[in-house]
Amino acid sequence: MTVTLFDQFLSPTLFKLPLIVIALTIPWLLHHVVTTRFSSERLLSIKKVSVSVLTKHIFQPLEPLGHKWALLFVSLFMFLITLNVLGLLPYTFTPTTQLSLTFSLALPLWLATVLIGFRLDPTRALAHMLPQGTPPLLIPILIIIETISVLIRPLALAVRLMANLTAGHLLIHLISTGVFLLASMMPMTAVLALMLLGLLTLLEIAVALIQAYVFVLLLSLYLLENV
């Protein structure tokens, strides 16, 4: 059977049962539990500060009605960060490289923000479809364009997360393969490639954190338009 670079993104199975369920469950088991140990309390303090900063940046522009989404968005942020970072470990699987998962997260949340906007103020929700002062001849065209741009948001949100993580994993795989092949033929080149691999891994850790933040931030902006 021919093996390709993209085989690493296939959902692993055991006895024909998909293991993606376990991959989605493990991050919740790794979250910090409060204990009396000093080291544990330090980790808890770091987590509290991180969550506090995230909540302040995301929910400060929102009306008080939008603050009800804080628990959901913070939980989603921690979940995505854990999945993205754990996926950088060797011999692991990253569920967020699957468009089916990212789209299943983006679509319901985006749809919820839209439905809430129509429920609270239908006139304001529809006003986003047509800028004020639009010439009458352009009204049908702009309505179609704005409608398409709104409907494509969940797909763009899902593809952005999936594509950035997939590209990083492919680069790491290609460079690590090059290091392995060059180790016996050109040791110095292999060392340079290994250094590049280390820098790329640090970059991918940053990308894993940033993409989780961007995913939640864009959802909060969609909520801001409707609440």
N, C-alpha and C. Protein backbone atom coordinates (compact mmCIF):
# COMPACT_ATOMS: atom_id res chain seq x y z
N MET A 1 0.84 -1.19 0.00
CA MET A 1 0.00 0.00 0.00
C MET A 1 0.88 1.24 0.00
N THR A 2 0.58 2.20 -0.86
CA THR A 2 1.36 3.42 -0.97
C THR A 2 1.07 4.34 0.20
N VAL A 3 2.13 4.86 0.80
CA VAL A 3 2.00 5.77 1.94
C VAL A 3 2.32 7.18 1.47
N THR A 4 1.47 8.14 1.82
CA THR A 4 1.67 9.53 1.43
C THR A 4 1.86 10.38 2.68
N LEU A 5 2.23 11.64 2.45
CA LEU A 5 2.43 12.57 3.56
C LEU A 5 1.14 12.81 4.33
N PHE A 6 0.03 12.73 3.63
CA PHE A 6 -1.24 13.06 4.26
C PHE A 6 -1.84 11.89 5.03
N ASP A 7 -1.18 10.73 5.01
CA ASP A 7 -1.69 9.60 5.78
C ASP A 7 -1.62 9.85 7.28
N GLN A 8 -0.73 10.77 7.69
CA GLN A 8 -0.61 11.06 9.12
C GLN A 8 -1.85 11.77 9.65
N PHE A 9 -2.69 12.32 8.75
CA PHE A 9 -3.88 13.04 9.18
C PHE A 9 -5.12 12.16 9.17
N LEU A 10 -4.97 10.89 8.79
CA LEU A 10 -6.11 9.98 8.83
C LEU A 10 -6.43 9.62 10.27
N SER A 11 -7.71 9.52 10.56
CA SER A 11 -8.12 9.17 11.92
C SER A 11 -7.69 7.75 12.24
N PRO A 12 -6.93 7.54 13.32
CA PRO A 12 -6.46 6.18 13.65
C PRO A 12 -7.62 5.31 14.11
N THR A 13 -7.49 4.03 13.87
CA THR A 13 -8.52 3.07 14.25
C THR A 13 -7.89 1.90 14.99
N LEU A 14 -8.68 1.27 15.83
CA LEU A 14 -8.28 0.06 16.54
C LEU A 14 -9.45 -0.91 16.46
N PHE A 15 -9.19 -2.06 15.82
CA PHE A 15 -10.26 -3.04 15.56
C PHE A 15 -11.42 -2.39 14.81
N LYS A 16 -11.04 -1.53 13.84
CA LYS A 16 -11.99 -0.81 12.98
C LYS A 16 -12.85 0.19 13.73
N LEU A 17 -12.45 0.53 14.96
CA LEU A 17 -13.15 1.55 15.73
C LEU A 17 -12.32 2.82 15.73
N PRO A 18 -12.91 3.98 15.38
CA PRO A 18 -12.12 5.23 15.34
C PRO A 18 -11.69 5.66 16.74
N LEU A 19 -10.43 6.05 16.83
CA LEU A 19 -9.88 6.48 18.12
C LEU A 19 -9.97 7.99 18.32
N ILE A 20 -10.66 8.68 17.41
CA ILE A 20 -10.77 10.12 17.55
C ILE A 20 -11.56 10.50 18.80
N VAL A 21 -12.46 9.61 19.23
CA VAL A 21 -13.23 9.88 20.45
C VAL A 21 -12.29 9.95 21.66
N ILE A 22 -11.32 9.03 21.70
CA ILE A 22 -10.34 9.06 22.80
C ILE A 22 -9.48 10.30 22.70
N ALA A 23 -9.09 10.66 21.47
CA ALA A 23 -8.27 11.86 21.28
C ALA A 23 -9.00 13.13 21.73
N LEU A 24 -10.32 13.14 21.60
CA LEU A 24 -11.11 14.30 22.03
C LEU A 24 -11.38 14.28 23.53
N THR A 25 -11.30 13.11 24.15
CA THR A 25 -11.59 13.00 25.57
C THR A 25 -10.38 13.27 26.44
N ILE A 26 -9.20 12.85 25.98
CA ILE A 26 -7.99 12.98 26.78
C ILE A 26 -7.70 14.41 27.23
N PRO A 27 -7.87 15.44 26.36
CA PRO A 27 -7.57 16.81 26.83
C PRO A 27 -8.33 17.21 28.08
N TRP A 28 -9.58 16.77 28.23
CA TRP A 28 -10.34 17.14 29.43
C TRP A 28 -9.79 16.45 30.67
N LEU A 29 -9.19 15.27 30.49
CA LEU A 29 -8.62 14.56 31.64
C LEU A 29 -7.31 15.18 32.10
N LEU A 30 -6.67 15.96 31.21
CA LEU A 30 -5.37 16.55 31.55
C LEU A 30 -5.50 17.90 32.21
N HIS A 31 -6.72 18.44 32.28
CA HIS A 31 -6.87 19.76 32.88
C HIS A 31 -6.61 19.71 34.37
N HIS A 32 -6.15 20.83 34.86
CA HIS A 32 -5.65 20.90 36.23
C HIS A 32 -6.76 20.70 37.25
N VAL A 33 -6.44 19.94 38.30
CA VAL A 33 -7.36 19.74 39.42
C VAL A 33 -6.72 20.37 40.66
N VAL A 34 -7.52 21.11 41.41
CA VAL A 34 -7.00 21.82 42.58
C VAL A 34 -6.56 20.83 43.65
N THR A 35 -5.31 20.99 44.12
CA THR A 35 -4.80 20.19 45.23
C THR A 35 -4.10 21.12 46.20
N THR A 36 -3.54 20.56 47.26
CA THR A 36 -2.87 21.36 48.28
C THR A 36 -1.39 21.51 48.02
N ARG A 37 -0.87 20.90 46.98
CA ARG A 37 0.56 20.98 46.70
C ARG A 37 0.91 22.35 46.15
N PHE A 38 2.09 22.84 46.52
CA PHE A 38 2.50 24.19 46.12
C PHE A 38 2.67 24.28 44.60
N SER A 39 3.31 23.25 44.00
CA SER A 39 3.53 23.28 42.56
C SER A 39 2.19 23.29 41.82
N SER A 40 1.23 22.54 42.37
CA SER A 40 -0.08 22.51 41.74
C SER A 40 -0.77 23.87 41.83
N GLU A 41 -0.62 24.56 42.96
CA GLU A 41 -1.22 25.87 43.11
C GLU A 41 -0.59 26.88 42.16
N ARG A 42 0.69 26.74 41.88
CA ARG A 42 1.33 27.65 40.92
C ARG A 42 0.76 27.44 39.53
N LEU A 43 0.57 26.20 39.13
CA LEU A 43 -0.04 25.93 37.84
C LEU A 43 -1.45 26.49 37.76
N LEU A 44 -2.18 26.37 38.86
CA LEU A 44 -3.54 26.90 38.90
C LEU A 44 -3.53 28.42 38.77
N SER A 45 -2.54 29.08 39.39
CA SER A 45 -2.44 30.53 39.30
C SER A 45 -2.14 30.97 37.87
N ILE A 46 -1.25 30.24 37.20
CA ILE A 46 -0.93 30.56 35.80
C ILE A 46 -2.18 30.40 34.93
N LYS A 47 -2.93 29.35 35.18
CA LYS A 47 -4.15 29.12 34.39
C LYS A 47 -5.17 30.21 34.65
N LYS A 48 -5.31 30.64 35.91
CA LYS A 48 -6.27 31.69 36.23
C LYS A 48 -5.90 33.01 35.56
N VAL A 49 -4.60 33.33 35.58
CA VAL A 49 -4.16 34.57 34.93
C VAL A 49 -4.41 34.52 33.43
N SER A 50 -4.11 33.37 32.80
CA SER A 50 -4.32 33.23 31.36
C SER A 50 -5.79 33.38 30.99
N VAL A 51 -6.65 32.72 31.76
CA VAL A 51 -8.08 32.80 31.49
C VAL A 51 -8.60 34.21 31.72
N SER A 52 -8.07 34.88 32.75
CA SER A 52 -8.50 36.25 33.03
C SER A 52 -8.12 37.20 31.90
N VAL A 53 -6.90 37.07 31.39
CA VAL A 53 -6.46 37.93 30.28
C VAL A 53 -7.28 37.65 29.03
N LEU A 54 -7.51 36.38 28.74
CA LEU A 54 -8.31 36.01 27.56
C LEU A 54 -9.72 36.58 27.67
N THR A 55 -10.35 36.41 28.82
CA THR A 55 -11.72 36.89 29.01
C THR A 55 -11.79 38.41 28.86
N LYS A 56 -10.79 39.10 29.38
CA LYS A 56 -10.79 40.56 29.30
C LYS A 56 -10.68 41.03 27.86
N HIS A 57 -9.79 40.43 27.08
CA HIS A 57 -9.57 40.86 25.70
C HIS A 57 -10.77 40.53 24.81
N ILE A 58 -11.40 39.39 25.03
CA ILE A 58 -12.47 38.96 24.14
C ILE A 58 -13.81 39.60 24.49
N PHE A 59 -14.12 39.70 25.78
CA PHE A 59 -15.46 40.10 26.17
C PHE A 59 -15.57 41.57 26.56
N GLN A 60 -14.47 42.31 26.59
CA GLN A 60 -14.57 43.73 26.94
C GLN A 60 -15.42 44.52 25.95
N PRO A 61 -15.31 44.27 24.60
CA PRO A 61 -16.14 45.05 23.67
C PRO A 61 -17.62 44.64 23.67
N LEU A 62 -17.95 43.48 24.25
CA LEU A 62 -19.32 42.97 24.17
C LEU A 62 -20.23 43.62 25.19
N GLU A 63 -21.51 43.62 24.86
CA GLU A 63 -22.53 44.05 25.81
C GLU A 63 -22.66 43.00 26.91
N PRO A 64 -23.24 43.39 28.07
CA PRO A 64 -23.39 42.41 29.17
C PRO A 64 -24.14 41.15 28.76
N LEU A 65 -25.04 41.25 27.78
CA LEU A 65 -25.76 40.07 27.33
C LEU A 65 -24.82 39.04 26.71
N GLY A 66 -23.74 39.51 26.06
CA GLY A 66 -22.78 38.61 25.45
C GLY A 66 -21.86 37.94 26.43
N HIS A 67 -21.82 38.45 27.68
CA HIS A 67 -20.93 37.87 28.68
C HIS A 67 -21.39 36.48 29.12
N LYS A 68 -22.63 36.12 28.78
CA LYS A 68 -23.11 34.78 29.11
C LYS A 68 -22.36 33.70 28.33
N TRP A 69 -21.69 34.11 27.26
CA TRP A 69 -20.94 33.17 26.44
C TRP A 69 -19.52 32.93 26.97
N ALA A 70 -19.17 33.57 28.07
CA ALA A 70 -17.78 33.52 28.55
C ALA A 70 -17.34 32.09 28.86
N LEU A 71 -18.16 31.35 29.58
CA LEU A 71 -17.78 29.99 29.96
C LEU A 71 -17.60 29.11 28.73
N LEU A 72 -18.50 29.24 27.76
CA LEU A 72 -18.41 28.43 26.55
C LEU A 72 -17.15 28.75 25.75
N PHE A 73 -16.86 30.04 25.56
CA PHE A 73 -15.70 30.43 24.76
C PHE A 73 -14.38 30.08 25.46
N VAL A 74 -14.31 30.28 26.76
CA VAL A 74 -13.08 29.95 27.48
C VAL A 74 -12.85 28.43 27.47
N SER A 75 -13.92 27.66 27.65
CA SER A 75 -13.78 26.20 27.60
C SER A 75 -13.34 25.74 26.20
N LEU A 76 -13.92 26.36 25.17
CA LEU A 76 -13.52 26.02 23.80
C LEU A 76 -12.06 26.39 23.55
N PHE A 77 -11.63 27.53 24.08
CA PHE A 77 -10.24 27.96 23.91
C PHE A 77 -9.27 26.98 24.55
N MET A 78 -9.55 26.57 25.78
CA MET A 78 -8.68 25.62 26.47
C MET A 78 -8.69 24.26 25.77
N PHE A 79 -9.83 23.87 25.26
CA PHE A 79 -9.95 22.60 24.55
C PHE A 79 -9.12 22.61 23.27
N LEU A 80 -9.21 23.69 22.49
CA LEU A 80 -8.46 23.77 21.24
C LEU A 80 -6.96 23.86 21.50
N ILE A 81 -6.57 24.61 22.50
CA ILE A 81 -5.14 24.71 22.82
C ILE A 81 -4.58 23.33 23.19
N THR A 82 -5.31 22.61 24.01
CA THR A 82 -4.83 21.29 24.43
C THR A 82 -4.71 20.34 23.25
N LEU A 83 -5.72 20.34 22.37
CA LEU A 83 -5.66 19.47 21.20
C LEU A 83 -4.51 19.85 20.29
N ASN A 84 -4.34 21.15 20.04
CA ASN A 84 -3.29 21.61 19.12
C ASN A 84 -1.89 21.30 19.63
N VAL A 85 -1.67 21.53 20.91
CA VAL A 85 -0.33 21.32 21.48
C VAL A 85 -0.02 19.82 21.60
N LEU A 86 -0.99 19.04 22.04
CA LEU A 86 -0.76 17.59 22.16
C LEU A 86 -0.50 16.97 20.79
N GLY A 87 -1.05 17.56 19.74
CA GLY A 87 -0.83 17.03 18.40
C GLY A 87 0.58 17.21 17.90
N LEU A 88 1.38 18.05 18.58
CA LEU A 88 2.77 18.24 18.18
C LEU A 88 3.69 17.17 18.77
N LEU A 89 3.19 16.38 19.70
CA LEU A 89 4.01 15.31 20.26
C LEU A 89 4.16 14.18 19.25
N PRO A 90 5.29 13.46 19.29
CA PRO A 90 5.48 12.34 18.34
C PRO A 90 4.45 11.24 18.54
N TYR A 91 4.07 10.64 17.43
CA TYR A 91 3.15 9.50 17.43
C TYR A 91 1.79 9.86 18.05
N THR A 92 1.36 11.06 17.81
CA THR A 92 0.04 11.47 18.29
C THR A 92 -0.82 11.88 17.10
N PHE A 93 -2.09 12.05 17.37
CA PHE A 93 -3.05 12.43 16.34
C PHE A 93 -3.68 13.76 16.71
N THR A 94 -3.79 14.67 15.74
CA THR A 94 -4.35 15.99 15.98
C THR A 94 -5.75 16.06 15.38
N PRO A 95 -6.79 15.99 16.20
CA PRO A 95 -8.16 16.03 15.65
C PRO A 95 -8.48 17.34 14.92
N THR A 96 -7.83 18.43 15.30
CA THR A 96 -8.13 19.73 14.67
C THR A 96 -7.55 19.85 13.26
N THR A 97 -6.86 18.83 12.77
CA THR A 97 -6.47 18.82 11.36
C THR A 97 -7.57 18.20 10.49
N GLN A 98 -8.67 17.82 11.11
CA GLN A 98 -9.80 17.25 10.39
C GLN A 98 -10.85 18.34 10.16
N LEU A 99 -11.17 18.59 8.90
CA LEU A 99 -12.17 19.62 8.58
C LEU A 99 -13.53 19.26 9.17
N SER A 100 -13.82 17.99 9.28
CA SER A 100 -15.11 17.58 9.85
C SER A 100 -15.25 18.04 11.29
N LEU A 101 -14.15 18.02 12.06
CA LEU A 101 -14.21 18.45 13.45
C LEU A 101 -14.28 19.97 13.56
N THR A 102 -13.39 20.66 12.86
CA THR A 102 -13.37 22.12 12.96
C THR A 102 -14.68 22.73 12.45
N PHE A 103 -15.23 22.14 11.39
CA PHE A 103 -16.49 22.66 10.85
C PHE A 103 -17.65 22.36 11.80
N SER A 104 -17.61 21.20 12.45
CA SER A 104 -18.67 20.86 13.41
C SER A 104 -18.61 21.74 14.65
N LEU A 105 -17.46 22.34 14.93
CA LEU A 105 -17.35 23.32 16.02
C LEU A 105 -17.78 24.71 15.56
N ALA A 106 -17.39 25.08 14.34
CA ALA A 106 -17.64 26.44 13.86
C ALA A 106 -19.10 26.65 13.48
N LEU A 107 -19.71 25.69 12.80
CA LEU A 107 -21.06 25.89 12.28
C LEU A 107 -22.11 26.11 13.37
N PRO A 108 -22.21 25.26 14.39
CA PRO A 108 -23.25 25.50 15.40
C PRO A 108 -23.06 26.81 16.16
N LEU A 109 -21.81 27.16 16.48
CA LEU A 109 -21.58 28.38 17.24
C LEU A 109 -21.88 29.61 16.39
N TRP A 110 -21.46 29.59 15.13
CA TRP A 110 -21.79 30.71 14.24
C TRP A 110 -23.29 30.83 14.06
N LEU A 111 -23.95 29.71 13.85
CA LEU A 111 -25.40 29.72 13.64
C LEU A 111 -26.12 30.23 14.89
N ALA A 112 -25.61 29.90 16.05
CA ALA A 112 -26.22 30.38 17.29
C ALA A 112 -26.13 31.90 17.40
N THR A 113 -24.97 32.48 17.03
CA THR A 113 -24.85 33.94 17.07
C THR A 113 -25.80 34.61 16.10
N VAL A 114 -25.98 34.02 14.91
CA VAL A 114 -26.89 34.59 13.92
C VAL A 114 -28.33 34.52 14.39
N LEU A 115 -28.72 33.37 14.93
CA LEU A 115 -30.10 33.20 15.38
C LEU A 115 -30.42 34.11 16.57
N ILE A 116 -29.44 34.30 17.44
CA ILE A 116 -29.65 35.21 18.56
C ILE A 116 -29.83 36.65 18.06
N GLY A 117 -29.05 37.03 17.04
CA GLY A 117 -29.20 38.35 16.47
C GLY A 117 -30.58 38.57 15.87
N PHE A 118 -31.09 37.59 15.14
CA PHE A 118 -32.44 37.70 14.56
C PHE A 118 -33.52 37.69 15.64
N ARG A 119 -33.26 36.99 16.72
CA ARG A 119 -34.26 36.91 17.80
C ARG A 119 -34.32 38.22 18.58
N LEU A 120 -33.17 38.83 18.84
CA LEU A 120 -33.13 40.06 19.64
C LEU A 120 -33.53 41.28 18.84
N ASP A 121 -33.01 41.41 17.64
CA ASP A 121 -33.26 42.61 16.83
C ASP A 121 -33.14 42.24 15.35
N PRO A 122 -34.22 41.76 14.74
CA PRO A 122 -34.14 41.35 13.33
C PRO A 122 -33.73 42.48 12.39
N THR A 123 -34.19 43.71 12.68
CA THR A 123 -33.85 44.84 11.81
C THR A 123 -32.35 45.11 11.80
N ARG A 124 -31.75 45.07 12.98
CA ARG A 124 -30.31 45.30 13.06
C ARG A 124 -29.53 44.17 12.40
N ALA A 125 -30.02 42.94 12.56
CA ALA A 125 -29.33 41.80 11.95
C ALA A 125 -29.35 41.89 10.43
N LEU A 126 -30.49 42.32 9.88
CA LEU A 126 -30.60 42.44 8.43
C LEU A 126 -29.88 43.67 7.91
N ALA A 127 -29.68 44.67 8.78
CA ALA A 127 -29.02 45.90 8.33
C ALA A 127 -27.58 45.67 7.91
N HIS A 128 -26.96 44.58 8.42
CA HIS A 128 -25.58 44.29 8.03
C HIS A 128 -25.48 43.88 6.56
N MET A 129 -26.60 43.47 5.99
CA MET A 129 -26.59 43.01 4.60
C MET A 129 -26.49 44.14 3.59
N LEU A 130 -26.81 45.36 4.04
CA LEU A 130 -26.86 46.48 3.09
C LEU A 130 -26.31 47.74 3.75
N PRO A 131 -25.13 48.21 3.32
CA PRO A 131 -24.56 49.44 3.89
C PRO A 131 -25.47 50.64 3.61
N GLN A 132 -25.45 51.60 4.52
CA GLN A 132 -26.27 52.79 4.37
C GLN A 132 -25.75 53.65 3.21
N GLY A 133 -26.69 54.20 2.43
CA GLY A 133 -26.33 55.06 1.31
C GLY A 133 -25.96 54.31 0.04
N THR A 134 -26.31 53.04 -0.06
CA THR A 134 -25.99 52.26 -1.25
C THR A 134 -26.86 52.71 -2.43
N PRO A 135 -26.29 52.92 -3.61
CA PRO A 135 -27.10 53.27 -4.79
C PRO A 135 -28.12 52.17 -5.10
N PRO A 136 -29.33 52.54 -5.54
CA PRO A 136 -30.38 51.53 -5.78
C PRO A 136 -29.97 50.44 -6.76
N LEU A 137 -29.16 50.76 -7.75
CA LEU A 137 -28.77 49.76 -8.73
C LEU A 137 -27.88 48.67 -8.13
N LEU A 138 -27.13 49.02 -7.08
CA LEU A 138 -26.21 48.07 -6.48
C LEU A 138 -26.82 47.26 -5.34
N ILE A 139 -28.04 47.62 -4.96
CA ILE A 139 -28.65 46.95 -3.81
C ILE A 139 -28.78 45.44 -4.00
N PRO A 140 -29.31 44.93 -5.12
CA PRO A 140 -29.41 43.46 -5.26
C PRO A 140 -28.05 42.76 -5.24
N ILE A 141 -27.06 43.39 -5.91
CA ILE A 141 -25.73 42.76 -5.96
C ILE A 141 -25.10 42.72 -4.58
N LEU A 142 -25.19 43.83 -3.84
CA LEU A 142 -24.58 43.88 -2.51
C LEU A 142 -25.26 42.93 -1.54
N ILE A 143 -26.57 42.79 -1.67
CA ILE A 143 -27.27 41.85 -0.78
C ILE A 143 -26.79 40.43 -1.02
N ILE A 144 -26.61 40.06 -2.29
CA ILE A 144 -26.12 38.72 -2.62
C ILE A 144 -24.70 38.52 -2.09
N ILE A 145 -23.84 39.53 -2.31
CA ILE A 145 -22.44 39.43 -1.86
C ILE A 145 -22.36 39.33 -0.34
N GLU A 146 -23.11 40.17 0.37
CA GLU A 146 -23.07 40.15 1.83
C GLU A 146 -23.65 38.85 2.38
N THR A 147 -24.69 38.34 1.73
CA THR A 147 -25.27 37.07 2.18
C THR A 147 -24.26 35.93 2.02
N ILE A 148 -23.57 35.90 0.89
CA ILE A 148 -22.56 34.86 0.68
C ILE A 148 -21.42 35.00 1.69
N SER A 149 -21.00 36.24 1.94
CA SER A 149 -19.90 36.46 2.89
C SER A 149 -20.27 36.03 4.30
N VAL A 150 -21.55 36.19 4.67
CA VAL A 150 -21.99 35.76 5.99
C VAL A 150 -22.10 34.24 6.06
N LEU A 151 -22.64 33.64 5.00
CA LEU A 151 -22.83 32.19 5.01
C LEU A 151 -21.52 31.41 4.94
N ILE A 152 -20.48 32.04 4.40
CA ILE A 152 -19.21 31.33 4.23
C ILE A 152 -18.33 31.45 5.48
N ARG A 153 -18.78 32.22 6.46
CA ARG A 153 -17.96 32.42 7.66
C ARG A 153 -17.61 31.13 8.40
N PRO A 154 -18.55 30.25 8.67
CA PRO A 154 -18.17 29.03 9.40
C PRO A 154 -17.18 28.17 8.64
N LEU A 155 -17.32 28.11 7.31
CA LEU A 155 -16.37 27.34 6.51
C LEU A 155 -14.98 27.96 6.56
N ALA A 156 -14.93 29.29 6.44
CA ALA A 156 -13.63 29.98 6.52
C ALA A 156 -13.00 29.79 7.89
N LEU A 157 -13.81 29.83 8.93
CA LEU A 157 -13.31 29.64 10.29
C LEU A 157 -12.73 28.24 10.46
N ALA A 158 -13.43 27.25 9.93
CA ALA A 158 -12.97 25.86 10.06
C ALA A 158 -11.72 25.61 9.22
N VAL A 159 -11.71 26.11 7.99
CA VAL A 159 -10.57 25.89 7.10
C VAL A 159 -9.32 26.59 7.62
N ARG A 160 -9.48 27.77 8.21
CA ARG A 160 -8.33 28.51 8.73
C ARG A 160 -7.61 27.71 9.81
N LEU A 161 -8.37 27.16 10.74
CA LEU A 161 -7.76 26.36 11.82
C LEU A 161 -7.13 25.09 11.27
N MET A 162 -7.86 24.39 10.41
CA MET A 162 -7.37 23.13 9.87
C MET A 162 -6.13 23.33 8.99
N ALA A 163 -6.17 24.33 8.10
CA ALA A 163 -5.07 24.52 7.15
C ALA A 163 -3.78 24.93 7.84
N ASN A 164 -3.86 25.82 8.82
CA ASN A 164 -2.64 26.26 9.50
C ASN A 164 -1.97 25.12 10.25
N LEU A 165 -2.75 24.30 10.91
CA LEU A 165 -2.16 23.17 11.64
C LEU A 165 -1.64 22.10 10.69
N THR A 166 -2.37 21.86 9.61
CA THR A 166 -1.92 20.86 8.64
C THR A 166 -0.61 21.27 7.98
N ALA A 167 -0.50 22.53 7.60
CA ALA A 167 0.73 23.02 6.96
C ALA A 167 1.92 22.87 7.90
N GLY A 168 1.73 23.20 9.17
CA GLY A 168 2.83 23.06 10.12
C GLY A 168 3.27 21.63 10.32
N HIS A 169 2.30 20.73 10.41
CA HIS A 169 2.64 19.31 10.58
C HIS A 169 3.37 18.77 9.36
N LEU A 170 2.96 19.19 8.18
CA LEU A 170 3.65 18.75 6.97
C LEU A 170 5.09 19.24 6.93
N LEU A 171 5.32 20.49 7.30
CA LEU A 171 6.69 21.02 7.32
C LEU A 171 7.56 20.26 8.31
N ILE A 172 7.03 20.01 9.49
CA ILE A 172 7.79 19.26 10.50
C ILE A 172 8.11 17.86 9.98
N HIS A 173 7.14 17.23 9.34
CA HIS A 173 7.36 15.88 8.81
C HIS A 173 8.42 15.88 7.72
N LEU A 174 8.37 16.85 6.82
CA LEU A 174 9.34 16.91 5.72
C LEU A 174 10.75 17.17 6.24
N ILE A 175 10.89 18.11 7.14
CA ILE A 175 12.23 18.45 7.66
C ILE A 175 12.79 17.31 8.50
N SER A 176 11.95 16.68 9.32
CA SER A 176 12.45 15.55 10.13
C SER A 176 12.87 14.39 9.24
N THR A 177 12.15 14.17 8.15
CA THR A 177 12.56 13.13 7.20
C THR A 177 13.89 13.48 6.56
N GLY A 178 14.08 14.76 6.21
CA GLY A 178 15.35 15.20 5.65
C GLY A 178 16.51 15.03 6.62
N VAL A 179 16.27 15.33 7.90
CA VAL A 179 17.31 15.15 8.92
C VAL A 179 17.71 13.68 9.01
N PHE A 180 16.74 12.79 8.97
CA PHE A 180 17.02 11.36 9.08
C PHE A 180 17.82 10.86 7.87
N LEU A 181 17.51 11.35 6.67
CA LEU A 181 18.20 10.90 5.47
C LEU A 181 19.59 11.50 5.35
N LEU A 182 19.78 12.74 5.83
CA LEU A 182 21.06 13.42 5.69
C LEU A 182 22.04 13.08 6.81
N ALA A 183 21.55 12.42 7.87
CA ALA A 183 22.42 12.16 9.03
C ALA A 183 23.65 11.35 8.66
N SER A 184 23.51 10.37 7.78
CA SER A 184 24.64 9.51 7.42
C SER A 184 25.46 10.06 6.26
N MET A 185 24.83 10.88 5.38
CA MET A 185 25.54 11.38 4.20
C MET A 185 26.20 12.74 4.44
N MET A 186 25.47 13.67 5.04
CA MET A 186 26.00 15.02 5.28
C MET A 186 25.65 15.43 6.71
N PRO A 187 26.49 15.04 7.66
CA PRO A 187 26.16 15.30 9.07
C PRO A 187 25.98 16.78 9.40
N MET A 188 26.83 17.65 8.83
CA MET A 188 26.72 19.07 9.13
C MET A 188 25.39 19.64 8.62
N THR A 189 25.02 19.25 7.43
CA THR A 189 23.73 19.69 6.90
C THR A 189 22.59 19.17 7.75
N ALA A 190 22.73 17.94 8.23
CA ALA A 190 21.70 17.36 9.08
C ALA A 190 21.57 18.14 10.40
N VAL A 191 22.71 18.59 10.94
CA VAL A 191 22.67 19.38 12.18
C VAL A 191 21.95 20.70 11.95
N LEU A 192 22.26 21.36 10.82
CA LEU A 192 21.57 22.61 10.50
C LEU A 192 20.07 22.39 10.32
N ALA A 193 19.72 21.31 9.65
CA ALA A 193 18.30 20.99 9.47
C ALA A 193 17.63 20.68 10.80
N LEU A 194 18.40 20.04 11.71
CA LEU A 194 17.84 19.74 13.03
C LEU A 194 17.59 21.02 13.82
N MET A 195 18.49 21.99 13.70
CA MET A 195 18.28 23.28 14.35
C MET A 195 17.05 23.98 13.77
N LEU A 196 16.92 23.90 12.46
CA LEU A 196 15.74 24.48 11.82
C LEU A 196 14.46 23.79 12.29
N LEU A 197 14.55 22.49 12.49
CA LEU A 197 13.40 21.73 12.97
C LEU A 197 13.01 22.18 14.39
N GLY A 198 14.01 22.45 15.22
CA GLY A 198 13.72 22.93 16.58
C GLY A 198 13.03 24.29 16.56
N LEU A 199 13.53 25.19 15.70
CA LEU A 199 12.89 26.51 15.59
C LEU A 199 11.48 26.40 15.03
N LEU A 200 11.30 25.50 14.06
CA LEU A 200 9.97 25.32 13.48
C LEU A 200 9.00 24.74 14.51
N THR A 201 9.50 23.86 15.38
CA THR A 201 8.64 23.30 16.42
C THR A 201 8.18 24.39 17.38
N LEU A 202 9.08 25.30 17.75
CA LEU A 202 8.69 26.42 18.60
C LEU A 202 7.66 27.30 17.90
N LEU A 203 7.87 27.51 16.60
CA LEU A 203 6.91 28.30 15.84
C LEU A 203 5.55 27.62 15.80
N GLU A 204 5.53 26.31 15.66
CA GLU A 204 4.27 25.58 15.60
C GLU A 204 3.55 25.59 16.94
N ILE A 205 4.30 25.61 18.03
CA ILE A 205 3.66 25.76 19.34
C ILE A 205 2.95 27.11 19.43
N ALA A 206 3.64 28.15 18.93
CA ALA A 206 3.01 29.48 18.90
C ALA A 206 1.79 29.50 18.00
N VAL A 207 1.89 28.83 16.85
CA VAL A 207 0.75 28.76 15.93
C VAL A 207 -0.42 28.03 16.58
N ALA A 208 -0.13 26.96 17.31
CA ALA A 208 -1.18 26.20 17.98
C ALA A 208 -1.93 27.08 18.98
N LEU A 209 -1.20 27.92 19.69
CA LEU A 209 -1.84 28.82 20.66
C LEU A 209 -2.60 29.94 19.95
N ILE A 210 -1.97 30.52 18.93
CA ILE A 210 -2.58 31.65 18.23
C ILE A 210 -3.84 31.24 17.49
N GLN A 211 -3.83 30.08 16.84
CA GLN A 211 -4.99 29.65 16.08
C GLN A 211 -6.19 29.36 16.99
N ALA A 212 -5.94 28.83 18.17
CA ALA A 212 -7.04 28.64 19.13
C ALA A 212 -7.61 29.99 19.55
N TYR A 213 -6.73 30.96 19.77
CA TYR A 213 -7.18 32.31 20.15
C TYR A 213 -7.95 32.97 19.01
N VAL A 214 -7.46 32.85 17.78
CA VAL A 214 -8.13 33.46 16.63
C VAL A 214 -9.51 32.84 16.42
N PHE A 215 -9.61 31.53 16.59
CA PHE A 215 -10.90 30.86 16.41
C PHE A 215 -11.94 31.43 17.37
N VAL A 216 -11.57 31.56 18.64
CA VAL A 216 -12.51 32.08 19.64
C VAL A 216 -12.74 33.57 19.44
N LEU A 217 -11.69 34.31 19.05
CA LEU A 217 -11.84 35.75 18.84
C LEU A 217 -12.81 36.05 17.70
N LEU A 218 -12.72 35.31 16.61
CA LEU A 218 -13.63 35.54 15.49
C LEU A 218 -15.07 35.20 15.86
N LEU A 219 -15.25 34.16 16.65
CA LEU A 219 -16.60 33.84 17.12
C LEU A 219 -17.15 34.96 17.99
N SER A 220 -16.28 35.56 18.81
CA SER A 220 -16.74 36.68 19.65
C SER A 220 -17.08 37.90 18.80
N LEU A 221 -16.37 38.10 17.70
CA LEU A 221 -16.69 39.22 16.80
C LEU A 221 -18.03 38.98 16.09
N TYR A 222 -18.29 37.73 15.72
CA TYR A 222 -19.59 37.41 15.14
C TYR A 222 -20.70 37.65 16.16
N LEU A 223 -20.42 37.33 17.40
CA LEU A 223 -21.40 37.57 18.48
C LEU A 223 -21.60 39.06 18.69
N LEU A 224 -20.51 39.84 18.57
CA LEU A 224 -20.59 41.28 18.75
C LEU A 224 -21.51 41.93 17.73
N GLU A 225 -21.53 41.39 16.53
CA GLU A 225 -22.40 41.95 15.48
C GLU A 225 -23.87 41.73 15.76
N ASN A 226 -24.18 40.72 16.55
CA ASN A 226 -25.57 40.33 16.74
C ASN A 226 -26.11 40.60 18.14
N VAL A 227 -25.25 40.92 19.09
CA VAL A 227 -25.70 41.15 20.47
C VAL A 227 -25.39 42.59 20.85
